[in-house]
Protein backbone atom coordinates (compact mmCIF):
# COMPACT_ATOMS: atom_id res chain seq x y z
CA MET A 1 107.65 140.69 93.70
CA LEU A 2 106.83 137.86 91.32
CA PRO A 3 103.34 138.13 89.75
CA ILE A 4 102.18 134.75 91.08
CA ILE A 5 98.54 133.61 91.00
CA GLN A 6 97.51 130.19 92.33
CA GLY A 7 96.88 127.72 89.55
CA GLN A 8 98.86 129.72 87.02
CA GLY A 9 102.43 129.63 85.83
CA PHE A 10 104.89 132.44 86.39
CA GLU A 11 108.15 133.66 84.87
CA ARG A 12 110.49 136.47 85.85
CA THR A 13 114.02 137.48 84.88
CA LEU A 14 116.23 139.31 87.41
CA TYR A 15 119.23 141.17 85.96
CA PHE A 16 122.44 141.70 87.90
CA THR A 17 126.19 141.14 87.62
CA ASN A 18 127.97 138.60 89.78
CA THR A 19 131.38 137.18 88.97
CA PHE A 20 132.64 133.87 90.41
CA GLY A 21 135.97 132.63 89.10
CA GLU A 22 135.70 132.70 85.32
CA VAL A 23 131.89 132.53 85.31
CA THR A 24 129.81 135.71 85.24
CA LEU A 25 126.06 135.46 85.84
CA SER A 26 124.09 138.41 84.48
CA ALA A 27 120.54 137.15 84.94
CA LEU A 28 118.37 134.72 86.86
CA ASN A 29 115.43 133.38 84.91
CA ILE A 30 112.84 131.97 87.30
CA SER A 31 109.74 130.16 86.10
CA GLY A 32 107.28 127.74 87.65
CA THR A 33 103.76 126.97 88.84
CA ILE A 34 101.70 127.15 92.01
CA THR A 35 98.87 124.73 92.74
CA GLU A 36 97.02 123.59 95.85
CA ALA A 37 99.34 120.57 95.99
CA ASP A 38 102.72 122.23 95.58
CA VAL A 39 104.91 125.07 94.39
CA GLN A 40 107.49 124.39 91.66
CA ALA A 41 110.16 126.66 90.23
CA THR A 42 113.06 126.37 87.79
CA ILE A 43 116.06 128.72 87.85
CA ASN A 44 118.05 129.13 84.62
CA ASP A 45 117.05 125.60 83.58
CA LEU A 46 119.71 124.34 86.02
CA LEU A 47 118.09 124.35 89.45
CA HIS A 48 114.63 122.87 90.07
CA ILE A 49 112.72 123.54 93.30
CA ARG A 50 109.53 121.94 94.63
CA TYR A 51 107.70 122.57 97.90
CA ASP A 52 104.86 120.28 98.99
CA GLY A 53 105.32 120.31 102.76
CA GLN A 54 108.97 119.47 102.32
CA LEU A 55 111.49 121.26 100.11
CA THR A 56 113.10 119.28 97.27
CA ILE A 57 115.88 120.79 95.15
CA THR A 58 117.49 119.08 92.15
CA SER A 59 120.23 120.22 89.80
CA ASN A 60 122.30 119.12 86.82
CA ASP A 61 125.78 120.23 85.79
CA LEU A 62 126.33 122.63 88.70
CA LYS A 63 129.47 123.07 90.81
CA PHE A 64 129.41 123.81 94.54
CA ASN A 65 131.87 125.91 96.54
CA VAL A 66 132.95 123.70 99.48
CA PRO A 67 134.76 126.39 101.58
CA GLU A 68 131.70 128.64 101.42
CA ILE A 69 129.27 125.79 102.16
CA THR A 70 131.41 124.69 105.12
CA ARG A 71 131.49 128.25 106.46
CA PHE A 72 127.70 128.50 106.09
CA LEU A 73 127.09 125.16 107.84
CA LYS A 74 129.42 126.10 110.69
CA GLU A 75 127.67 129.42 111.22
CA HIS A 76 124.22 127.91 110.71
CA SER A 77 124.80 125.07 113.19
CA THR A 78 125.49 127.54 116.01
CA LYS A 79 122.64 129.93 115.17
CA SER A 80 119.82 127.65 114.06
CA SER A 81 118.61 126.69 117.53
CA SER A 82 118.23 130.26 118.80
CA ALA A 83 116.85 131.56 115.50
CA THR A 84 114.13 128.97 115.06
CA GLY A 85 113.27 128.27 118.68
CA ASP A 86 110.70 125.49 118.81
CA LYS A 87 109.59 126.11 115.24
CA LYS A 88 110.02 122.99 113.13
CA LEU A 89 111.60 123.60 109.76
CA PRO A 90 110.55 121.56 106.72
CA VAL A 91 112.68 118.64 105.58
CA ILE A 92 115.02 119.79 102.83
CA THR A 93 116.26 117.30 100.25
CA PHE A 94 118.87 118.17 97.64
CA ASN A 95 119.97 115.97 94.72
CA ALA A 96 122.64 117.00 92.21
CA LYS A 97 123.72 114.98 89.16
CA ASN A 98 126.89 115.43 87.12
CA SER A 99 128.17 117.87 89.70
CA ALA A 100 131.54 118.90 91.13
CA LEU A 101 132.89 120.22 94.42
CA TYR A 102 135.02 123.36 94.17
CA PHE A 103 137.81 123.60 96.79
CA LYS A 104 140.00 126.34 95.34
CA GLU A 105 141.08 127.63 91.95
CA GLY A 106 142.28 124.68 89.90
CA SER A 107 141.09 122.15 92.48
CA GLU A 108 137.75 120.48 91.85
CA ALA A 109 136.40 117.00 92.56
CA PRO A 110 133.72 115.49 90.33
CA ALA A 111 130.52 113.98 91.73
CA ASP A 112 128.27 111.67 89.75
CA LEU A 113 125.58 112.09 92.41
CA LEU A 114 125.38 114.41 95.41
CA GLN A 115 122.54 113.93 97.92
CA LEU A 116 121.86 116.12 100.95
CA THR A 117 119.04 115.95 103.50
CA TYR A 118 118.32 118.44 106.28
CA GLY A 119 115.67 117.81 108.91
CA ASP A 120 115.21 117.81 112.67
CA LYS A 121 118.38 119.91 112.99
CA LYS A 122 120.46 117.17 111.36
CA THR A 123 122.24 117.29 108.01
CA SER A 124 123.29 114.22 106.03
CA MET A 125 125.24 114.28 102.78
CA ARG A 126 126.36 111.51 100.44
CA LEU A 127 128.58 111.88 97.40
CA ASP A 128 129.22 109.13 94.83
CA HIS A 129 131.85 109.18 92.12
CA GLY A 130 132.89 106.03 90.29
CA ASP A 131 133.46 103.31 92.90
CA GLY A 132 134.03 105.84 95.67
CA SER A 133 131.65 107.43 98.16
CA ILE A 134 131.64 110.00 100.95
CA VAL A 135 129.09 110.17 103.78
CA PHE A 136 128.98 113.34 105.89
CA ASP A 137 126.63 113.73 108.90
CA ILE A 138 126.18 116.91 110.96
CA LYS A 139 124.17 117.38 114.15
CA GLY A 140 124.54 120.69 115.94
CA THR A 141 128.25 121.52 116.05
CA ASN A 142 129.36 117.88 115.74
CA PHE A 143 129.97 115.85 112.62
CA SER A 144 131.20 112.49 111.32
CA PHE A 145 132.78 111.83 107.94
CA LYS A 146 133.52 108.60 106.10
CA GLY A 147 135.07 108.31 102.65
CA GLU A 148 135.76 105.04 100.86
CA LYS A 149 137.57 104.26 97.60
CA ILE A 150 138.14 107.93 96.80
CA ASN A 151 140.03 108.20 93.52
CA SER A 152 143.20 110.13 92.63
CA ILE A 153 141.34 113.20 91.31
CA PHE A 154 139.54 113.64 94.62
CA MET A 155 142.77 112.92 96.55
CA GLY A 156 144.52 115.76 94.78
CA ALA A 157 141.62 118.11 95.49
CA LEU A 158 141.65 117.30 99.23
CA ILE A 159 145.44 117.44 99.76
CA LYS A 160 146.63 120.93 98.92
CA GLY A 161 149.47 121.04 96.40
CA ALA A 162 149.48 117.29 95.72
CA GLN A 163 148.79 115.37 92.52
CA PHE A 164 148.29 111.61 92.24
CA GLU A 165 147.93 108.98 89.56
CA ASN A 166 145.75 105.93 90.24
CA GLY A 167 145.27 104.52 93.73
CA GLN A 168 142.57 105.29 96.26
CA MET A 169 142.04 106.88 99.66
CA ASN A 170 139.82 106.13 102.66
CA ILE A 171 139.02 108.80 105.27
CA ALA A 172 137.36 108.78 108.69
CA ALA A 173 136.72 111.86 110.84
CA GLN A 174 134.62 112.78 113.87
CA GLY A 175 134.26 115.66 116.30
CA SER A 176 133.24 119.32 116.18
CA PHE A 177 134.23 121.85 113.54
CA ASP A 178 136.81 123.31 115.95
CA ASN A 179 138.08 120.06 117.47
CA PHE A 180 138.06 116.79 115.53
CA SER A 181 140.08 113.67 114.78
CA ILE A 182 140.78 112.51 111.23
CA LEU A 183 142.43 109.44 109.76
CA PHE A 184 143.61 108.97 106.16
CA LYS A 185 144.75 105.84 104.35
CA ILE A 186 146.14 106.01 100.80
CA THR A 187 147.07 102.90 98.83
CA ASP A 188 148.68 101.92 95.52
CA THR A 189 149.21 105.36 94.05
CA LEU A 190 151.88 107.46 92.33
CA LEU A 191 152.60 110.82 93.92
CA THR A 192 153.51 112.97 90.92
CA LYS A 193 153.63 116.37 92.61
CA PHE A 194 154.13 117.44 96.21
CA LYS A 195 156.61 120.13 97.23
CA MET A 196 157.37 118.69 100.66
CA MET A 197 158.31 115.30 99.18
CA ASN A 198 160.40 117.04 96.53
CA ASN A 199 162.32 118.82 99.28
CA ILE A 200 162.87 115.59 101.24
CA LEU A 201 164.28 113.78 98.20
CA ALA A 202 166.37 116.80 97.26
CA PHE A 203 167.88 116.71 100.75
CA LEU A 204 168.69 113.00 100.39
CA ASN A 205 170.28 113.67 97.03
CA THR A 206 172.82 115.93 98.75
CA ILE A 207 174.23 112.70 100.22
CA PRO A 208 175.05 110.82 96.99
CA SER A 209 176.82 107.94 98.71
CA LEU A 210 173.92 107.31 101.10
CA ILE A 211 172.13 104.43 99.51
CA THR A 212 172.07 104.64 95.77
CA LEU A 213 168.34 105.35 95.77
CA SER A 214 166.75 104.13 92.57
CA LEU A 215 164.39 107.10 92.61
CA PRO A 216 166.00 109.61 90.24
CA GLU A 217 162.91 109.23 88.08
CA PHE A 218 160.81 110.94 90.77
CA ASN A 219 161.30 114.30 89.06
CA SER A 220 159.74 112.99 85.84
CA LYS A 221 157.41 110.22 87.02
CA GLY A 222 156.64 110.43 90.73
CA LEU A 223 157.04 108.53 93.99
CA PRO A 224 155.22 105.17 94.11
CA ILE A 225 153.30 104.71 97.37
CA GLN A 226 152.18 101.28 98.47
CA SER A 227 150.50 102.58 101.61
CA ALA A 228 150.31 105.80 103.63
CA ILE A 229 148.43 106.22 106.93
CA ILE A 230 148.06 109.61 108.62
CA GLY A 231 146.21 110.20 111.88
CA MET A 232 145.77 113.65 113.43
CA VAL A 233 143.78 115.76 115.87
CA VAL A 234 142.79 119.22 114.63
CA GLN A 235 142.03 121.95 117.18
CA ASN A 236 141.19 125.48 115.97
CA GLY A 237 143.01 124.87 112.71
CA THR A 238 146.20 123.39 114.19
CA ALA A 239 146.78 119.69 113.53
CA THR A 240 148.76 117.43 115.83
CA ILE A 241 150.00 114.55 113.66
CA GLU A 242 149.83 111.59 116.03
CA SER A 243 151.21 109.16 113.46
CA PHE A 244 152.40 109.27 109.85
CA THR A 245 153.66 106.19 107.99
CA LEU A 246 154.44 105.86 104.29
CA ASP A 247 155.67 102.72 102.55
CA SER A 248 157.17 102.86 99.06
CA PRO A 249 159.36 100.33 97.21
CA GLU A 250 162.48 102.31 98.15
CA MET A 251 161.84 103.67 101.61
CA THR A 252 159.61 103.74 104.67
CA ILE A 253 158.87 107.14 106.21
CA ALA A 254 157.51 107.57 109.75
CA GLY A 255 156.65 110.97 111.17
CA SER A 256 154.90 113.06 113.80
CA GLY A 257 154.58 116.74 114.62
CA ASN A 258 152.32 119.74 114.04
CA VAL A 259 150.76 121.65 111.15
CA ASN A 260 149.25 125.11 111.63
CA PHE A 261 146.80 125.53 108.77
CA PRO A 262 145.78 129.17 109.50
CA LYS A 263 149.46 130.21 109.50
CA ASN A 264 150.34 127.68 106.76
CA THR A 265 153.34 126.34 108.71
CA ILE A 266 154.69 122.90 109.56
CA ASP A 267 157.05 121.43 112.18
CA MET A 268 157.47 117.65 111.88
CA ASP A 269 160.14 115.01 112.41
CA PHE A 270 160.46 112.12 109.97
CA ASN A 271 162.42 108.88 110.24
CA ILE A 272 163.43 107.59 106.80
CA ILE A 273 164.38 103.93 106.44
CA THR A 274 165.70 103.00 103.02
CA GLN A 275 165.26 99.60 101.41
CA ALA A 276 168.67 99.48 99.73
CA LYS A 277 171.88 98.07 101.17
CA ALA A 278 174.23 100.60 102.73
CA ASN A 279 177.92 100.92 102.00
CA ILE A 280 178.75 101.91 105.55
CA GLY A 281 182.27 103.06 104.74
CA LYS A 282 180.98 105.61 102.25
CA ILE A 283 178.36 107.27 104.45
CA PRO A 284 179.96 110.61 105.36
CA LEU A 285 177.25 112.02 107.63
CA LEU A 286 176.74 111.37 111.32
CA GLY A 287 173.24 110.48 112.42
CA PHE A 288 172.49 107.37 110.38
CA ILE A 289 171.21 104.35 112.27
CA LEU A 290 171.24 100.81 110.94
CA VAL A 291 167.92 99.12 111.68
CA GLY A 292 166.38 95.69 111.22
CA LYS A 293 167.93 92.32 110.54
CA LYS A 294 169.16 93.53 107.14
CA LYS A 295 170.73 96.63 108.67
CA ARG A 296 168.93 99.20 106.54
CA PRO A 297 170.22 102.78 106.88
CA SER A 298 167.90 105.17 108.67
CA LEU A 299 168.00 108.94 109.02
CA THR A 300 165.80 111.30 111.06
CA ILE A 301 165.06 114.71 109.57
CA ASN A 302 163.05 117.76 110.60
CA ILE A 303 160.74 119.66 108.25
CA SER A 304 159.68 123.16 109.24
CA GLY A 305 158.57 126.51 107.89
CA ASP A 306 156.18 127.22 105.03
CA LEU A 307 153.78 124.32 104.53
CA GLN A 308 153.96 124.69 100.75
CA ASP A 309 157.78 124.89 100.62
CA PRO A 310 159.29 123.68 103.92
CA VAL A 311 162.96 123.52 104.90
CA VAL A 312 164.52 120.08 105.45
CA HIS A 313 167.47 119.48 107.79
CA ASN A 314 168.90 116.86 110.16
CA SER A 315 167.08 116.16 113.42
CA ALA A 316 168.64 115.33 116.78
CA LEU A 317 166.02 112.62 117.35
CA GLU A 318 167.16 109.03 116.85
CA ASP A 319 163.67 107.62 116.29
CA VAL A 320 160.14 108.79 115.59
CA VAL A 321 157.42 106.88 117.39
CA THR A 322 154.39 105.93 115.29
CA LEU A 323 151.33 103.92 116.22
CA PRO A 324 149.99 100.65 114.77
CA PHE A 325 146.65 101.14 113.03
CA ASP A 326 144.53 99.36 115.64
CA ILE A 327 145.97 101.60 118.38
CA LEU A 328 145.94 104.75 116.24
CA PHE A 329 142.20 104.86 115.57
CA ARG A 330 141.50 104.24 119.26
CA THR A 331 143.91 107.03 120.21
CA LEU A 332 141.98 109.31 117.86
CA ALA A 333 138.71 108.15 119.52
CA LEU A 334 137.20 107.18 116.17
CA PRO A 335 134.36 104.62 116.27
CA PHE A 336 135.00 101.37 114.43
CA HIS A 337 132.13 101.81 111.96
CA LEU A 338 133.99 104.78 110.47
CA VAL A 339 137.29 102.91 110.04
CA ASP A 340 136.12 99.35 109.37
CA SER A 341 137.15 99.32 105.69
CA MET A 342 140.60 100.69 106.55
CA ALA A 343 141.01 98.21 109.39
CA ASN A 344 140.06 95.27 107.17
CA SER A 345 142.46 96.26 104.39
CA THR A 346 145.26 96.84 106.90
CA GLN A 347 144.71 93.38 108.37
CA ASN A 348 144.80 91.87 104.88
CA GLU A 349 148.13 93.58 104.25
CA LYS A 350 149.49 92.12 107.48
CA ASN A 351 148.40 88.68 106.40
CA GLY A 352 150.02 89.15 103.00
CA VAL A 353 153.40 90.53 101.95
CA LYS A 354 155.19 92.54 104.60
CA HIS A 355 157.14 95.66 103.68
CA PRO A 356 160.85 95.09 104.48
CA ASP A 357 161.87 95.99 108.01
CA HIS A 358 158.84 98.25 108.54
CA ASN A 359 158.06 96.71 111.92
CA GLU A 360 161.68 96.31 112.94
CA SER A 361 162.62 99.98 113.10
CA LYS A 362 161.81 100.45 116.78
CA SER A 363 163.05 97.21 118.31
CA ASN A 364 166.23 96.47 116.35
CA THR A 365 168.11 99.78 116.45
CA GLY A 366 171.83 99.43 115.88
CA ASP A 367 174.76 101.74 116.54
CA ILE A 368 175.06 105.26 115.21
CA GLN A 369 177.64 105.32 112.43
């Protein structure tokens, strides 16, 4: 026990060995004071704690393990009611500066400011980094999540195996930990690394006379993305992709299917519409459809197997149905206040320059060549 006497300071060092990643902690140095007004303590000059009827914790230059925190919150949300009964817990406030969120080895997202409040069986968290922010609210087993203007570093941390340059992402999610809907929108970025996209382009490159794609630089530079919208429902770790659309200068990709995260597998169909003119006489493969007024070549493929390195092959489907944004977020049962920024930017895009033939793919299907 700490030798604590009211009105006096205290200090104690606890020695142990605990290894986390490349960091090994061998001691906790705890010091502080107790008065009639409050109790204050400092741990290793990094974590500061104060209790004066409510608990306030502050930190500088600390990283936080998101998978472990998520596991704790999930377990805590189901046990807190029975464990505490009618006993009211104190309000807990946590503020971290110059922090980072750890997702997995080599994947971290910086946070200029991280704020968390727990009280009345509700948890609220806000993270700010640069121009971006994330707001996360939990009540019982249900949660809502809203992220705006998330930068490329954070995007790469959230999307396993992907790396981006520039651009931003907005996210909206709502539901329970075991059953929730989530919507992503990514704009104006360069996808520099993603195995699934590598495999898709490698498959297209096996058909050299297809379109003369001007994307050979993907291997060295990346795939430019003007806009990507992904909406899904996740139940017990398995995601049903209701709608996937990606617009780049060279192609439009539409997709739907399933991803099993616990098993790390994928089974999705994608319709690829290129933006280049087709030399119909030189296309050797059955299954291409000419779409739109400009008769752009389109091909439907299936991606299946290992999520990190899936197999790409032709699909028997002639078209993949995707949903317009205003229908998609309603299908996902997401409230408008979570998707308002995405909805406004999508409307602005509609009022501005339209991506070639993106809206013609379903209504102007031509003959199979």
